[in-house]
């Protein structure tokens, strides 16, 4: 069983930056894939980015070049550095881990607005 807790969301102006964190309740060293998803109001949850145990990353085209995913196995933490934020990035961001089953965090709200 893995519990995931996100933090770092908030209100930011367009062009600004935020760093999201996702702390796991146990070691993430053995977790094959971790990632971030987001859900905007009235829309379905969508994939944003993933990182494997071997630190191979993939990004949705909409965030490529602006967002960076990373993981710190020693701290059991997944990060999402978000730069050059746009209003269309506004959503609840969810941390995800795949280890024998899929685990989700409770989400953290990111609002990009002037």
N, C-alpha and C. Protein backbone atom coordinates (compact mmCIF):
# COMPACT_ATOMS: atom_id res chain seq x y z
N UNK A 1 0.84 -1.19 0.00
CA UNK A 1 0.00 0.00 0.00
C UNK A 1 0.88 1.24 0.00
N UNK A 2 0.56 2.18 -0.89
CA UNK A 2 1.33 3.42 -0.99
C UNK A 2 0.35 4.58 -0.89
N UNK A 3 0.62 5.48 0.02
CA UNK A 3 -0.17 6.71 0.11
C UNK A 3 0.64 7.85 -0.46
N UNK A 4 -0.04 8.68 -1.25
CA UNK A 4 0.62 9.80 -1.92
C UNK A 4 -0.02 11.10 -1.47
N UNK A 5 0.81 12.08 -1.12
CA UNK A 5 0.29 13.37 -0.67
C UNK A 5 0.97 14.48 -1.46
N UNK A 6 0.17 15.20 -2.23
CA UNK A 6 0.69 16.30 -3.04
C UNK A 6 0.66 17.61 -2.25
N UNK A 7 1.53 18.52 -2.64
CA UNK A 7 1.55 19.87 -2.09
C UNK A 7 2.22 20.79 -3.09
N UNK A 8 2.12 22.10 -2.84
CA UNK A 8 2.81 23.06 -3.68
C UNK A 8 1.93 23.82 -4.65
N UNK A 9 0.66 23.46 -4.71
CA UNK A 9 -0.25 24.18 -5.59
C UNK A 9 -0.54 25.57 -5.07
N UNK A 10 -1.23 26.36 -5.91
CA UNK A 10 -1.59 27.71 -5.49
C UNK A 10 -1.99 28.56 -6.67
N UNK A 11 -2.06 29.86 -6.41
CA UNK A 11 -2.42 30.84 -7.43
C UNK A 11 -1.15 31.50 -7.94
N UNK A 12 -0.99 31.53 -9.25
CA UNK A 12 0.20 32.14 -9.85
C UNK A 12 -0.21 32.90 -11.10
N UNK A 13 0.52 33.96 -11.40
CA UNK A 13 0.22 34.74 -12.61
C UNK A 13 0.75 34.04 -13.85
N UNK A 14 0.16 34.31 -15.00
CA UNK A 14 0.70 33.74 -16.24
C UNK A 14 2.18 34.07 -16.39
N UNK A 15 2.94 33.08 -16.83
CA UNK A 15 4.38 33.23 -16.95
C UNK A 15 5.15 32.86 -15.69
N UNK A 16 4.44 32.63 -14.62
CA UNK A 16 5.08 32.29 -13.35
C UNK A 16 5.44 30.82 -13.24
N UNK A 17 5.95 30.46 -12.06
CA UNK A 17 6.41 29.09 -11.83
C UNK A 17 5.86 28.56 -10.51
N UNK A 18 5.72 27.25 -10.46
CA UNK A 18 5.37 26.53 -9.24
C UNK A 18 6.11 25.21 -9.25
N UNK A 19 6.38 24.70 -8.05
CA UNK A 19 6.93 23.34 -7.93
C UNK A 19 6.01 22.51 -7.06
N UNK A 20 5.48 21.47 -7.65
CA UNK A 20 4.64 20.53 -6.91
C UNK A 20 5.50 19.40 -6.34
N UNK A 21 5.09 18.93 -5.17
CA UNK A 21 5.75 17.78 -4.54
C UNK A 21 4.73 16.70 -4.25
N UNK A 22 5.16 15.48 -4.29
CA UNK A 22 4.32 14.34 -3.96
C UNK A 22 5.14 13.41 -3.08
N UNK A 23 4.76 13.34 -1.82
CA UNK A 23 5.49 12.51 -0.87
C UNK A 23 4.78 11.18 -0.70
N UNK A 24 5.54 10.10 -0.84
CA UNK A 24 4.98 8.76 -0.68
C UNK A 24 5.19 8.26 0.75
N UNK A 25 4.26 7.40 1.18
CA UNK A 25 4.32 6.88 2.55
C UNK A 25 5.36 5.79 2.74
N UNK A 26 5.89 5.28 1.63
CA UNK A 26 6.92 4.26 1.70
C UNK A 26 7.93 4.49 0.59
N UNK A 27 8.94 3.67 0.56
CA UNK A 27 10.00 3.85 -0.42
C UNK A 27 9.47 3.80 -1.85
N UNK A 28 9.97 4.74 -2.67
CA UNK A 28 9.56 4.75 -4.07
C UNK A 28 10.61 4.10 -4.95
N UNK A 29 11.66 3.57 -4.34
CA UNK A 29 12.77 3.02 -5.13
C UNK A 29 12.28 1.94 -6.09
N UNK A 30 11.34 1.13 -5.64
CA UNK A 30 10.88 0.00 -6.45
C UNK A 30 9.68 0.33 -7.34
N UNK A 31 9.20 1.54 -7.25
CA UNK A 31 8.02 1.91 -8.05
C UNK A 31 8.45 2.11 -9.50
N UNK A 32 7.81 1.35 -10.39
CA UNK A 32 8.21 1.34 -11.80
C UNK A 32 8.00 2.69 -12.47
N UNK A 33 6.81 3.23 -12.30
CA UNK A 33 6.46 4.46 -12.99
C UNK A 33 5.72 5.39 -12.03
N UNK A 34 6.10 6.63 -12.02
CA UNK A 34 5.37 7.67 -11.29
C UNK A 34 5.07 8.80 -12.25
N UNK A 35 4.00 9.52 -11.96
CA UNK A 35 3.66 10.57 -12.89
C UNK A 35 2.71 11.60 -12.32
N UNK A 36 2.39 12.55 -13.16
CA UNK A 36 1.45 13.60 -12.82
C UNK A 36 0.34 13.63 -13.87
N UNK A 37 -0.88 13.80 -13.39
CA UNK A 37 -2.05 13.98 -14.22
C UNK A 37 -2.73 15.26 -13.75
N UNK A 38 -3.63 15.76 -14.57
CA UNK A 38 -4.37 16.95 -14.16
C UNK A 38 -5.80 16.89 -14.68
N UNK A 39 -6.68 17.58 -13.97
CA UNK A 39 -8.08 17.64 -14.38
C UNK A 39 -8.58 19.06 -14.23
N UNK A 40 -8.93 19.65 -15.37
CA UNK A 40 -9.49 20.99 -15.38
C UNK A 40 -11.00 20.90 -15.19
N UNK A 41 -11.62 21.99 -14.75
CA UNK A 41 -13.08 21.98 -14.54
C UNK A 41 -13.82 21.59 -15.81
N UNK A 42 -14.73 20.64 -15.68
CA UNK A 42 -15.53 20.22 -16.81
C UNK A 42 -14.83 19.34 -17.82
N UNK A 43 -13.60 18.95 -17.52
CA UNK A 43 -12.83 18.11 -18.45
C UNK A 43 -12.41 16.81 -17.78
N UNK A 44 -12.02 15.85 -18.60
CA UNK A 44 -11.54 14.58 -18.07
C UNK A 44 -10.10 14.73 -17.58
N UNK A 45 -9.72 13.82 -16.68
CA UNK A 45 -8.35 13.82 -16.21
C UNK A 45 -7.42 13.47 -17.37
N UNK A 46 -6.31 14.20 -17.49
CA UNK A 46 -5.39 13.97 -18.58
C UNK A 46 -3.98 13.76 -18.06
N UNK A 47 -3.24 12.95 -18.81
CA UNK A 47 -1.86 12.66 -18.47
C UNK A 47 -0.99 13.88 -18.75
N UNK A 48 -0.03 14.17 -17.86
CA UNK A 48 0.87 15.29 -18.03
C UNK A 48 2.30 14.79 -18.29
N UNK A 49 2.79 13.93 -17.39
CA UNK A 49 4.17 13.47 -17.50
C UNK A 49 4.41 12.24 -16.63
N UNK A 50 5.37 11.42 -17.03
CA UNK A 50 5.76 10.27 -16.23
C UNK A 50 7.28 10.14 -16.19
N UNK A 51 7.74 9.41 -15.15
CA UNK A 51 9.16 9.12 -15.01
C UNK A 51 9.29 7.68 -14.52
N UNK A 52 10.21 6.94 -15.11
CA UNK A 52 10.40 5.55 -14.73
C UNK A 52 11.47 5.42 -13.64
N UNK A 53 11.66 4.18 -13.19
CA UNK A 53 12.72 3.91 -12.21
C UNK A 53 14.08 4.30 -12.76
N UNK A 54 14.23 4.17 -14.07
CA UNK A 54 15.50 4.51 -14.71
C UNK A 54 15.58 5.97 -15.13
N UNK A 55 14.63 6.77 -14.61
CA UNK A 55 14.62 8.22 -14.86
C UNK A 55 14.34 8.57 -16.32
N UNK A 56 13.66 7.70 -17.02
CA UNK A 56 13.22 8.02 -18.38
C UNK A 56 11.92 8.81 -18.26
N UNK A 57 11.89 9.95 -18.92
CA UNK A 57 10.75 10.84 -18.79
C UNK A 57 9.99 10.97 -20.10
N UNK A 58 8.71 11.26 -19.97
CA UNK A 58 7.86 11.56 -21.12
C UNK A 58 6.91 12.68 -20.72
N UNK A 59 6.59 13.52 -21.71
CA UNK A 59 5.75 14.68 -21.45
C UNK A 59 4.65 14.80 -22.50
N UNK A 60 3.52 15.31 -22.06
CA UNK A 60 2.48 15.68 -23.01
C UNK A 60 2.99 16.86 -23.83
N UNK A 61 2.56 16.93 -25.08
CA UNK A 61 3.03 18.02 -25.95
C UNK A 61 2.69 19.39 -25.37
N UNK A 62 1.59 19.48 -24.65
CA UNK A 62 1.14 20.77 -24.13
C UNK A 62 2.07 21.33 -23.05
N UNK A 63 2.90 20.48 -22.44
CA UNK A 63 3.78 20.96 -21.36
C UNK A 63 5.26 20.78 -21.68
N UNK A 64 5.55 20.15 -22.79
CA UNK A 64 6.94 19.87 -23.15
C UNK A 64 7.72 21.17 -23.25
N UNK A 65 8.89 21.18 -22.61
CA UNK A 65 9.74 22.37 -22.61
C UNK A 65 9.42 23.35 -21.50
N UNK A 66 8.30 23.16 -20.81
CA UNK A 66 7.93 24.05 -19.71
C UNK A 66 7.92 23.35 -18.36
N UNK A 67 7.55 22.08 -18.36
CA UNK A 67 7.45 21.30 -17.12
C UNK A 67 8.61 20.30 -17.05
N UNK A 68 9.06 20.03 -15.82
CA UNK A 68 10.10 19.03 -15.61
C UNK A 68 9.73 18.13 -14.45
N UNK A 69 9.70 16.83 -14.69
CA UNK A 69 9.42 15.87 -13.64
C UNK A 69 10.73 15.30 -13.12
N UNK A 70 10.76 15.05 -11.82
CA UNK A 70 11.95 14.42 -11.23
C UNK A 70 11.51 13.63 -10.00
N UNK A 71 12.40 12.73 -9.58
CA UNK A 71 12.10 11.94 -8.38
C UNK A 71 13.34 11.84 -7.51
N UNK A 72 13.13 11.92 -6.21
CA UNK A 72 14.21 11.78 -5.25
C UNK A 72 13.90 10.54 -4.41
N UNK A 73 14.51 9.44 -4.76
CA UNK A 73 14.21 8.18 -4.08
C UNK A 73 14.58 8.24 -2.60
N UNK A 74 15.61 8.98 -2.25
CA UNK A 74 16.03 9.07 -0.85
C UNK A 74 14.99 9.77 0.01
N UNK A 75 14.24 10.68 -0.61
CA UNK A 75 13.21 11.43 0.11
C UNK A 75 11.81 10.90 -0.17
N UNK A 76 11.72 9.83 -0.96
CA UNK A 76 10.41 9.27 -1.33
C UNK A 76 9.49 10.32 -1.93
N UNK A 77 10.05 11.18 -2.76
CA UNK A 77 9.31 12.32 -3.27
C UNK A 77 9.42 12.45 -4.77
N UNK A 78 8.29 12.78 -5.37
CA UNK A 78 8.18 13.09 -6.79
C UNK A 78 7.94 14.59 -6.91
N UNK A 79 8.56 15.20 -7.91
CA UNK A 79 8.42 16.64 -8.11
C UNK A 79 7.89 16.95 -9.51
N UNK A 80 7.27 18.13 -9.61
CA UNK A 80 6.91 18.67 -10.92
C UNK A 80 7.24 20.15 -10.90
N UNK A 81 8.29 20.52 -11.61
CA UNK A 81 8.64 21.93 -11.77
C UNK A 81 7.88 22.47 -12.97
N UNK A 82 7.08 23.50 -12.74
CA UNK A 82 6.25 24.07 -13.79
C UNK A 82 6.68 25.51 -14.03
N UNK A 83 7.15 25.79 -15.22
CA UNK A 83 7.57 27.14 -15.60
C UNK A 83 6.70 27.67 -16.73
N UNK A 84 6.78 28.97 -16.95
CA UNK A 84 6.02 29.60 -18.04
C UNK A 84 4.56 29.16 -18.02
N UNK A 85 3.97 29.22 -16.86
CA UNK A 85 2.59 28.74 -16.70
C UNK A 85 1.61 29.57 -17.50
N UNK A 86 0.58 28.88 -18.01
CA UNK A 86 -0.46 29.51 -18.82
C UNK A 86 -1.81 29.30 -18.14
N UNK A 87 -2.78 30.15 -18.44
CA UNK A 87 -4.12 29.95 -17.86
C UNK A 87 -4.68 28.55 -18.13
N UNK A 88 -4.35 27.99 -19.27
CA UNK A 88 -4.86 26.65 -19.59
C UNK A 88 -4.20 25.53 -18.78
N UNK A 89 -3.21 25.89 -17.97
CA UNK A 89 -2.61 24.91 -17.05
C UNK A 89 -3.42 24.80 -15.76
N UNK A 90 -4.41 25.66 -15.60
CA UNK A 90 -5.24 25.62 -14.41
C UNK A 90 -5.96 24.29 -14.30
N UNK A 91 -5.78 23.62 -13.16
CA UNK A 91 -6.36 22.29 -12.96
C UNK A 91 -6.00 21.79 -11.57
N UNK A 92 -6.63 20.70 -11.19
CA UNK A 92 -6.18 19.95 -10.02
C UNK A 92 -5.14 18.95 -10.52
N UNK A 93 -3.98 18.96 -9.90
CA UNK A 93 -2.87 18.09 -10.31
C UNK A 93 -2.78 16.91 -9.35
N UNK A 94 -2.72 15.72 -9.94
CA UNK A 94 -2.69 14.48 -9.17
C UNK A 94 -1.37 13.73 -9.40
N UNK A 95 -0.84 13.23 -8.31
CA UNK A 95 0.33 12.36 -8.36
C UNK A 95 -0.15 10.92 -8.56
N UNK A 96 0.62 10.15 -9.29
CA UNK A 96 0.24 8.78 -9.65
C UNK A 96 1.45 7.86 -9.51
N UNK A 97 1.22 6.65 -9.01
CA UNK A 97 2.30 5.67 -8.92
C UNK A 97 1.77 4.31 -9.34
N UNK A 98 2.57 3.59 -10.10
CA UNK A 98 2.20 2.26 -10.56
C UNK A 98 3.13 1.25 -9.93
N UNK A 99 2.59 0.46 -8.99
CA UNK A 99 3.35 -0.58 -8.31
C UNK A 99 2.38 -1.68 -7.91
N UNK A 100 2.28 -2.67 -8.72
CA UNK A 100 1.32 -3.76 -8.58
C UNK A 100 -0.12 -3.31 -8.80
N UNK A 101 -0.38 -2.08 -8.55
CA UNK A 101 -1.66 -1.46 -8.84
C UNK A 101 -1.42 0.03 -9.00
N UNK A 102 -2.47 0.76 -9.29
CA UNK A 102 -2.32 2.20 -9.49
C UNK A 102 -2.73 2.94 -8.22
N UNK A 103 -1.90 3.86 -7.81
CA UNK A 103 -2.17 4.68 -6.64
C UNK A 103 -2.31 6.14 -7.07
N UNK A 104 -3.19 6.86 -6.38
CA UNK A 104 -3.43 8.28 -6.65
C UNK A 104 -3.34 9.08 -5.37
N UNK A 105 -2.86 10.32 -5.50
CA UNK A 105 -2.94 11.26 -4.41
C UNK A 105 -4.29 11.95 -4.43
N UNK A 106 -4.47 12.89 -3.49
CA UNK A 106 -5.76 13.57 -3.36
C UNK A 106 -5.86 14.79 -4.27
N UNK A 107 -4.72 15.23 -4.80
CA UNK A 107 -4.70 16.36 -5.72
C UNK A 107 -4.35 17.67 -5.05
N UNK A 108 -3.80 18.57 -5.85
CA UNK A 108 -3.49 19.93 -5.39
C UNK A 108 -3.89 20.90 -6.49
N UNK A 109 -4.55 21.98 -6.10
CA UNK A 109 -5.10 22.93 -7.07
C UNK A 109 -4.02 23.89 -7.56
N UNK A 110 -3.95 24.04 -8.87
CA UNK A 110 -3.08 25.04 -9.49
C UNK A 110 -3.98 25.98 -10.30
N UNK A 111 -3.89 27.26 -10.00
CA UNK A 111 -4.67 28.26 -10.70
C UNK A 111 -3.73 29.30 -11.29
N UNK A 112 -3.82 29.47 -12.60
CA UNK A 112 -2.98 30.44 -13.31
C UNK A 112 -3.89 31.56 -13.79
N UNK A 113 -3.74 32.71 -13.19
CA UNK A 113 -4.63 33.82 -13.50
C UNK A 113 -3.99 35.13 -13.10
N UNK A 114 -4.32 36.17 -13.85
CA UNK A 114 -3.84 37.51 -13.50
C UNK A 114 -4.87 38.24 -12.66
